[in-house]
Protein backbone atom coordinates (compact mmCIF):
# COMPACT_ATOMS: atom_id res chain seq x y z
CA UNK A 1 104.75 116.17 113.36
CA UNK A 2 106.47 112.81 113.05
CA UNK A 3 104.35 110.00 111.65
CA UNK A 4 104.20 107.42 114.46
CA UNK A 5 102.37 104.29 113.39
CA UNK A 6 100.27 102.51 116.00
CA UNK A 7 101.14 98.87 115.22
CA UNK A 8 103.17 98.59 112.00
CA UNK A 9 106.95 98.64 112.49
CA UNK A 10 109.65 98.69 109.82
CA UNK A 11 113.26 99.78 110.35
CA UNK A 12 114.42 98.76 106.86
CA UNK A 13 115.93 101.70 104.99
CA UNK A 14 114.06 102.64 101.82
CA UNK A 15 116.46 105.41 100.82
CA UNK A 16 119.28 107.57 102.12
CA UNK A 17 118.94 111.20 101.19
CA UNK A 18 121.08 114.13 102.29
CA UNK A 19 122.83 111.77 104.71
CA UNK A 20 119.53 110.83 106.35
CA UNK A 21 117.94 107.36 106.36
CA UNK A 22 114.32 107.24 105.22
CA UNK A 23 111.98 104.47 106.33
CA UNK A 24 108.47 103.34 105.48
CA UNK A 25 106.85 105.78 107.91
CA UNK A 26 108.87 108.62 106.32
CA UNK A 27 107.72 107.66 102.82
CA UNK A 28 104.10 107.53 103.96
CA UNK A 29 104.62 110.87 105.73
CA UNK A 30 105.93 112.34 102.46
CA UNK A 31 102.90 111.00 100.59
CA UNK A 32 100.50 112.56 103.11
CA UNK A 33 102.27 115.94 102.94
CA UNK A 34 102.32 115.87 99.17
CA UNK A 35 98.76 114.53 98.92
CA UNK A 36 100.05 111.64 96.82
CA UNK A 37 98.05 108.44 96.45
CA UNK A 38 99.91 105.27 97.48
CA UNK A 39 99.64 101.70 96.22
CA UNK A 40 101.18 99.11 98.56
CA UNK A 41 102.05 96.00 96.60
CA UNK A 42 103.31 92.86 98.28
CA UNK A 43 102.77 89.27 99.33
CA UNK A 44 99.94 88.19 101.60
CA UNK A 45 100.52 89.02 105.24
CA UNK A 46 103.36 91.49 104.59
CA UNK A 47 101.64 94.23 106.60
CA UNK A 48 100.09 96.30 103.79
CA UNK A 49 96.63 96.47 105.32
CA UNK A 50 98.00 97.10 108.82
CA UNK A 51 100.09 99.98 107.49
CA UNK A 52 97.04 101.49 105.79
CA UNK A 53 95.00 100.91 108.95
CA UNK A 54 97.57 102.80 111.04
CA UNK A 55 97.38 105.73 108.64
CA UNK A 56 93.59 105.76 109.11
CA UNK A 57 94.16 106.62 112.79
CA UNK A 58 95.41 110.04 111.72
CA UNK A 59 92.05 110.72 110.08
CA UNK A 60 89.80 109.39 112.86
CA UNK A 61 86.17 109.66 111.79
CA UNK A 62 87.24 111.03 108.40
CA UNK A 63 88.57 107.91 106.69
CA UNK A 64 86.76 105.31 104.62
CA UNK A 65 87.79 101.65 104.24
CA UNK A 66 86.68 99.86 101.07
CA UNK A 67 87.27 96.16 100.43
CA UNK A 68 87.78 95.55 96.71
CA UNK A 69 84.72 93.76 95.31
CA UNK A 70 83.43 93.17 91.80
CA UNK A 71 79.93 94.37 92.71
CA UNK A 72 81.11 97.66 94.21
CA UNK A 73 79.43 100.93 93.25
CA UNK A 74 81.48 103.77 94.73
CA UNK A 75 78.62 106.24 94.29
CA UNK A 76 76.57 104.36 96.87
CA UNK A 77 79.21 105.18 99.48
CA UNK A 78 78.54 108.89 99.27
CA UNK A 79 74.77 109.14 98.98
CA UNK A 80 71.61 107.96 100.76
CA UNK A 81 67.85 108.25 100.50
CA UNK A 82 66.84 111.80 101.40
CA UNK A 83 64.70 111.75 104.59
CA UNK A 84 62.72 114.68 103.21
CA UNK A 85 61.82 112.56 100.17
CA UNK A 86 60.53 109.75 102.40
CA UNK A 87 58.51 112.25 104.44
CA UNK A 88 57.03 113.88 101.34
CA UNK A 89 56.26 110.46 99.87
CA UNK A 90 54.43 109.42 103.05
CA UNK A 91 52.45 112.67 103.22
CA UNK A 92 51.76 112.79 99.51
CA UNK A 93 53.55 116.11 99.08
CA UNK A 94 56.13 115.13 96.46
CA UNK A 95 57.28 117.90 94.14
CA UNK A 96 59.72 118.00 91.24
CA UNK A 97 62.22 119.72 93.54
CA UNK A 98 62.27 116.92 96.11
CA UNK A 99 65.56 115.06 95.71
CA UNK A 100 65.41 111.29 96.12
CA UNK A 101 68.99 111.04 97.30
CA UNK A 102 71.38 113.30 99.18
CA UNK A 103 75.12 113.31 99.84
CA UNK A 104 76.32 111.77 103.10
CA UNK A 105 79.01 113.12 105.41
CA UNK A 106 81.49 110.75 103.76
CA UNK A 107 81.93 113.39 101.06
CA UNK A 108 84.00 115.27 103.67
CA UNK A 109 86.33 112.35 104.42
CA UNK A 110 90.01 112.96 103.73
CA UNK A 111 91.33 109.39 103.36
CA UNK A 112 90.05 106.54 101.19
CA UNK A 113 91.63 103.09 101.73
CA UNK A 114 90.89 100.48 99.07
CA UNK A 115 92.07 97.06 100.24
CA UNK A 116 92.75 94.34 97.64
CA UNK A 117 92.30 96.73 94.72
CA UNK A 118 93.44 94.23 92.03
CA UNK A 119 90.51 91.98 92.95
CA UNK A 120 88.18 94.50 91.28
CA UNK A 121 87.23 93.89 87.67
CA UNK A 122 88.10 96.67 85.17
CA UNK A 123 84.57 98.14 85.23
CA UNK A 124 84.85 98.67 89.00
CA UNK A 125 88.42 99.97 88.82
CA UNK A 126 87.19 102.54 86.30
CA UNK A 127 84.94 103.98 89.01
CA UNK A 128 88.01 104.60 91.12
CA UNK A 129 89.59 107.02 88.63
CA UNK A 130 87.69 110.01 89.99
CA UNK A 131 87.86 108.70 93.55
CA UNK A 132 91.67 108.71 93.51
CA UNK A 133 91.61 112.09 91.76
CA UNK A 134 89.65 113.45 94.73
CA UNK A 135 86.10 113.57 93.40
CA UNK A 136 83.00 111.44 92.91
CA UNK A 137 80.61 111.53 89.95
CA UNK A 138 76.91 111.35 90.80
CA UNK A 139 74.21 111.94 88.20
CA UNK A 140 76.71 113.51 85.84
CA UNK A 141 78.07 115.96 88.39
CA UNK A 142 81.51 115.86 90.04
CA UNK A 143 81.66 116.47 93.79
CA UNK A 144 85.03 117.11 95.50
CA UNK A 145 85.93 114.72 98.30
CA UNK A 146 87.40 116.02 101.54
CA UNK A 147 87.14 119.68 100.67
CA UNK A 148 90.66 120.78 99.75
CA UNK A 149 92.41 117.59 100.89
CA UNK A 150 91.85 113.94 99.99
CA UNK A 151 94.24 111.05 99.52
CA UNK A 152 93.89 107.41 98.52
CA UNK A 153 95.79 104.34 99.73
CA UNK A 154 95.29 100.99 97.99
CA UNK A 155 96.76 97.54 98.57
CA UNK A 156 97.17 94.40 96.49
CA UNK A 157 98.94 91.05 96.61
CA UNK A 158 101.71 89.90 94.28
CA UNK A 159 100.13 87.89 91.48
CA UNK A 160 97.08 90.16 91.49
CA UNK A 161 98.68 93.12 89.78
CA UNK A 162 96.85 95.52 87.47
CA UNK A 163 95.91 93.95 84.17
CA UNK A 164 97.46 95.23 80.94
CA UNK A 165 95.50 93.13 78.47
CA UNK A 166 93.58 94.72 75.60
CA UNK A 167 93.19 98.13 77.19
CA UNK A 168 95.19 100.71 79.12
CA UNK A 169 93.04 100.65 82.22
CA UNK A 170 95.83 99.22 84.36
CA UNK A 171 98.36 101.82 83.23
CA UNK A 172 95.86 104.65 83.65
CA UNK A 173 94.98 103.63 87.20
CA UNK A 174 98.62 103.15 88.16
CA UNK A 175 99.30 106.68 86.94
CA UNK A 176 96.78 107.83 89.55
CA UNK A 177 98.54 105.81 92.24
CA UNK A 178 101.34 108.36 92.41
CA UNK A 179 103.59 106.29 94.66
CA UNK A 180 103.87 102.50 94.36
CA UNK A 181 105.88 100.61 96.97
CA UNK A 182 106.65 96.90 96.72
CA UNK A 183 106.70 95.91 100.38
CA UNK A 184 108.45 92.60 99.59
CA UNK A 185 111.68 94.51 98.92
CA UNK A 186 111.44 96.44 102.17
CA UNK A 187 110.33 93.82 104.66
CA UNK A 188 110.46 94.62 108.39
CA UNK A 189 113.58 93.63 110.30
CA UNK A 190 113.43 90.75 112.86
CA UNK A 191 113.28 93.23 115.74
CA UNK A 192 110.29 94.91 114.06
CA UNK A 193 108.51 91.56 113.85
CA UNK A 194 109.27 90.91 117.52
CA UNK A 195 107.91 94.30 118.56
CA UNK A 196 104.75 93.90 116.50
CA UNK A 197 104.10 90.44 117.93
CA UNK A 198 104.75 91.62 121.47
CA UNK A 199 102.34 94.53 121.02
CA UNK A 200 99.45 92.64 119.46
CA UNK A 201 98.92 88.88 118.92
CA UNK A 202 95.62 89.29 117.05
CA UNK A 203 96.18 87.90 113.50
CA UNK A 204 93.38 90.14 112.23
CA UNK A 205 93.77 93.81 111.47
CA UNK A 206 91.77 95.60 114.16
CA UNK A 207 89.39 98.11 112.60
CA UNK A 208 87.24 98.49 115.70
CA UNK A 209 89.68 100.29 117.99
CA UNK A 210 89.80 103.53 116.04
CA UNK A 211 91.70 106.45 117.50
CA UNK A 212 89.41 109.12 118.90
CA UNK A 213 91.95 111.86 118.17
CA UNK A 214 91.57 113.45 114.75
CA UNK A 215 95.01 114.55 113.63
CA UNK A 216 94.04 115.33 110.06
CA UNK A 217 94.31 119.09 110.62
CA UNK A 218 98.04 118.75 111.28
CA UNK A 219 98.55 116.74 108.08
CA UNK A 220 96.51 119.20 106.04
CA UNK A 221 98.50 122.09 107.48
CA UNK A 222 101.78 120.40 106.51
CA UNK A 223 100.36 119.89 103.02
CA UNK A 224 99.49 123.58 102.72
CA UNK A 225 102.96 124.58 103.93
CA UNK A 226 104.57 122.28 101.37
CA UNK A 227 102.44 123.70 98.55
CA UNK A 228 103.44 127.23 99.54
CA UNK A 229 107.17 126.52 99.29
CA UNK A 230 109.01 127.64 96.20
CA UNK A 231 110.21 124.78 94.02
CA UNK A 232 113.87 125.09 92.98
CA UNK A 233 114.31 125.81 89.28
CA UNK A 234 116.71 122.87 89.00
CA UNK A 235 113.93 120.44 89.87
CA UNK A 236 111.84 121.66 86.96
CA UNK A 237 114.78 121.08 84.61
CA UNK A 238 115.27 117.56 85.93
CA UNK A 239 111.54 116.85 85.55
CA UNK A 240 111.68 118.13 81.97
CA UNK A 241 114.55 115.73 81.29
CA UNK A 242 112.47 112.79 82.54
CA UNK A 243 109.58 113.78 80.27
CA UNK A 244 111.49 114.77 77.12
CA UNK A 245 115.05 113.40 77.15
CA UNK A 246 113.90 109.90 78.11
CA UNK A 247 111.65 109.98 75.04
CA UNK A 248 114.50 110.72 72.63
CA UNK A 249 115.97 108.19 70.20
CA UNK A 250 118.70 108.72 67.62
CA UNK A 251 117.56 110.38 64.43
CA UNK A 252 115.13 112.59 66.34
CA UNK A 253 112.82 109.63 66.85
CA UNK A 254 110.45 109.25 69.77
CA UNK A 255 109.88 106.21 71.97
CA UNK A 256 106.25 107.21 72.39
CA UNK A 257 106.01 107.71 68.64
CA UNK A 258 107.16 104.13 68.05
CA UNK A 259 104.14 102.93 70.07
CA UNK A 260 104.22 99.11 70.12
CA UNK A 261 107.52 99.17 68.21
CA UNK A 262 109.38 100.15 71.39
CA UNK A 263 111.76 98.63 72.37
CA UNK A 264 111.91 95.88 69.73
CA UNK A 265 112.84 98.23 66.88
CA UNK A 266 115.94 99.56 68.65
CA UNK A 267 119.30 98.47 67.29
CA UNK A 268 122.99 98.95 68.02
CA UNK A 269 124.10 100.57 71.24
CA UNK A 270 120.60 101.95 71.91
CA UNK A 271 119.39 98.41 72.61
CA UNK A 272 121.78 98.26 75.56
CA UNK A 273 121.21 101.70 77.06
CA UNK A 274 118.40 103.40 78.94
CA UNK A 275 116.83 103.96 75.50
CA UNK A 276 115.65 100.35 75.64
CA UNK A 277 115.07 100.20 79.38
CA UNK A 278 112.58 102.96 80.13
CA UNK A 279 109.91 105.14 78.58
CA UNK A 280 109.56 108.82 79.49
CA UNK A 281 107.50 109.69 82.54
CA UNK A 282 104.08 111.24 81.97
CA UNK A 283 103.46 114.89 82.88
CA UNK A 284 101.24 113.61 85.72
CA UNK A 285 104.10 111.45 87.02
CA UNK A 286 106.53 114.38 86.67
CA UNK A 287 104.31 116.42 89.00
CA UNK A 288 104.28 113.53 91.48
CA UNK A 289 108.08 113.31 91.34
CA UNK A 290 108.54 117.02 92.03
CA UNK A 291 105.99 116.93 94.87
CA UNK A 292 107.51 113.83 96.47
CA UNK A 293 110.97 115.36 96.16
CA UNK A 294 109.79 118.47 97.98
CA UNK A 295 108.24 116.39 100.76
CA UNK A 296 111.36 114.22 101.15
CA UNK A 297 113.54 117.34 101.38
CA UNK A 298 111.22 118.63 104.10
CA UNK A 299 111.47 115.42 106.09
CA UNK A 300 115.25 115.08 105.81
CA UNK A 301 115.64 118.68 106.96
CA UNK A 302 113.47 117.96 110.00
CA UNK A 303 115.62 114.88 110.69
CA UNK A 304 118.79 116.96 110.76
CA UNK A 305 120.05 117.22 107.17
CA UNK A 306 122.06 120.38 106.65
CA UNK A 307 122.44 120.30 102.87
CA UNK A 308 119.87 119.73 100.14
CA UNK A 309 120.91 117.85 97.00
CA UNK A 310 118.15 118.53 94.49
CA UNK A 311 119.34 115.94 91.99
CA UNK A 312 119.48 113.11 94.54
CA UNK A 313 116.12 114.18 95.93
CA UNK A 314 114.53 114.09 92.49
CA UNK A 315 116.11 110.72 91.69
CA UNK A 316 114.84 109.20 94.95
CA UNK A 317 111.35 110.43 94.08
CA UNK A 318 111.75 109.24 90.47
CA UNK A 319 112.64 105.76 91.73
CA UNK A 320 109.58 105.30 93.91
CA UNK A 321 107.12 106.97 91.58
CA UNK A 322 108.24 105.10 88.46
CA UNK A 323 109.47 101.62 89.42
CA UNK A 324 106.03 100.05 89.01
CA UNK A 325 104.32 102.71 86.92
CA UNK A 326 104.55 100.65 83.72
CA UNK A 327 107.32 102.60 81.96
CA UNK A 328 110.09 100.03 82.44
CA UNK A 329 110.86 97.39 79.81
CA UNK A 330 109.53 94.34 81.67
CA UNK A 331 111.57 91.93 79.54
CA UNK A 332 114.83 93.63 80.57
CA UNK A 333 113.70 93.89 84.18
CA UNK A 334 113.04 90.16 84.18
CA UNK A 335 116.11 88.97 82.30
CA UNK A 336 118.78 91.55 83.24
CA UNK A 337 117.70 92.77 86.66
CA UNK A 338 116.25 89.52 88.03
CA UNK A 339 112.72 90.98 88.22
CA UNK A 340 113.91 93.70 90.60
CA UNK A 341 112.31 96.94 89.40
CA UNK A 342 114.27 98.99 91.91
CA UNK A 343 117.58 97.68 90.53
CA UNK A 344 116.43 98.64 87.04
CA UNK A 345 115.57 102.11 88.29
CA UNK A 346 119.01 102.39 89.90
CA UNK A 347 120.52 101.67 86.48
CA UNK A 348 118.39 104.38 84.86
CA UNK A 349 119.39 106.81 87.61
CA UNK A 350 123.04 105.96 86.94
CA UNK A 351 122.59 106.78 83.24
CA UNK A 352 120.77 110.00 84.17
CA UNK A 353 123.47 111.09 86.61
CA UNK A 354 126.16 110.58 83.95
CA UNK A 355 124.15 112.65 81.47
CA UNK A 356 123.72 115.54 83.90
CA UNK A 357 127.39 115.40 84.92
CA UNK A 358 128.36 115.73 81.25
CA UNK A 359 126.14 118.80 80.82
CA UNK A 360 126.69 120.45 84.19
CA UNK A 361 128.66 123.45 82.91
CA UNK A 362 126.39 124.00 79.91
CA UNK A 363 123.26 123.89 82.08
CA UNK A 364 124.72 126.43 84.51
CA UNK A 365 125.69 128.69 81.60
CA UNK A 366 122.24 128.31 80.06
CA UNK A 367 120.53 129.27 83.30
CA UNK A 368 122.72 132.36 83.58
CA UNK A 369 122.06 133.28 79.93
CA UNK A 370 118.30 132.93 80.38
CA UNK A 371 118.37 135.03 83.57
CA UNK A 372 120.00 137.83 81.57
CA UNK A 373 117.38 137.51 78.82
CA UNK A 374 120.05 136.89 76.21
CA UNK A 375 120.60 134.23 73.55
CA UNK A 376 124.01 132.72 72.85
CA UNK A 377 123.74 130.53 69.75
CA UNK A 378 127.06 128.84 70.40
CA UNK A 379 125.93 127.89 73.89
CA UNK A 380 122.47 126.78 72.78
CA UNK A 381 123.99 124.55 70.11
CA UNK A 382 125.68 122.54 72.84
CA UNK A 383 122.26 121.07 73.59
CA UNK A 384 121.66 118.47 70.91
CA UNK A 385 120.33 114.94 70.71
CA UNK A 386 118.46 113.98 73.84
CA UNK A 387 119.32 117.42 75.25
CA UNK A 388 117.54 119.32 72.47
CA UNK A 389 114.65 120.00 74.82
CA UNK A 390 116.99 122.14 76.95
CA UNK A 391 117.82 124.35 73.96
CA UNK A 392 114.11 125.01 73.50
CA UNK A 393 113.67 125.82 77.20
CA UNK A 394 116.53 128.32 77.43
CA UNK A 395 115.53 130.00 74.17
CA UNK A 396 111.97 130.54 75.43
CA UNK A 397 113.13 131.61 78.91
CA UNK A 398 115.33 134.29 77.30
CA UNK A 399 112.33 135.61 75.34
CA UNK A 400 110.04 135.96 78.34
CA UNK A 401 109.66 139.24 80.13
C-alpha cells in the first residue's frame, strides 16, 4: 500500500537510500509502519497541518484532532458521564458500584493529531506523555489507546519550539516524538505548489470532508508484518555504537557523566570532533532508529531497490530521529553549521562511517568468533577506546549458550 496523500504534495527528496529517492510521503509511511510518533516542525503555512490532516484520512472515524491549548485536559477526551449514573440519579437508585463516568469510543482511536503542540504550557504537555506512549491515565489507571496500534502526530511553528528552561520536560517529550522533521528544509517544489493550488483554493485546512473509507487495517497489518521481520544483527551493533561509543571521551570519561560540563570541559582535538558535537542517543531513540531503518528498508525494496545497505539505512534513520532530539551541541550547530541540524548530523554520520570503516575487519572477525562461542583475547583487545563496548558485547556473546 503506497501512501497517497489527498492534498499535500512534496517532491523534494528527503533521503536517497539503496539507490531509491525517499520523499515526505515515504517518511510518513515509514512512521506509520513502525508506529513512530512524528513531530512536524516548520514555519507558519508550510503545510504541516495539511499533511497531518491527509494522514487522518487513512484512519477515518478512528482519528482525533486536538488543538494545543493551555486549558486542555486530555482525560476529558476519553470519558463522559455514564448514562446509567444519570438514570440511577433520577430514579434514586444510586449504589456504590454506579460509575459516574465511562470511557468513550475514542479510546479505540488509532491516530492522535496534536496541532500547535508548543503552544501548550508544560503542565499540559506533561499530560501528553502517556498519550504519545499509547495510553491514557484516568483515576490512577492506565488505559491503552487504539488496542494494539496507536500513533501520534504533532505540529509546531518555528519560534515555538519545546522549552528547555529549568526542567527536562522539553527533552522528555521530544524523546517521545520519535521522528522530528523540519519542514522548512524540505519545502515542496514549485510544481507541488501549483498542483496543490489547482486542486484546492481554500486557505483553510478542510476537516469536514473526511474520507469514509477506513484504511487503518492495512496500516496496522503492515505494522505487524514489520514487527515480525528479523532485525539484522549488524543493526543492533550500530545502535549499540550510537548509545555507547558516542558517550565515550578520552580517559574512559563519559559525556553523560560530565552532565552540564559537556561540551565546555573538552580540550584538544576532542573539542573539534564528534565528541563535542553530539551526545549519545537514548535507548528509546535507539529503538526508534532501528524501527525506522527497518521501515525504510521495506519501502525502498517495494520501490525497486535490489540491495540493502544496513549501515546507510541506520544512518538515514539516525539523522531523522536525532537531528532535533536535543543531543546536538546547539552552539556548534549555530556557529559551524549555520543552524542547519541536518548538516550537523551529516558531519556526525561522516565521523561514524570513518570509525566503522576502520573497524570493519575486526567487527567481522568478532562476529565470527562469537558465533563459534570462542574468545580470542588478541582480537578482543583490538576494541579499545570508544570501541570498548564492542569488546564487552563479543565477550558476552561468546559466553551465551
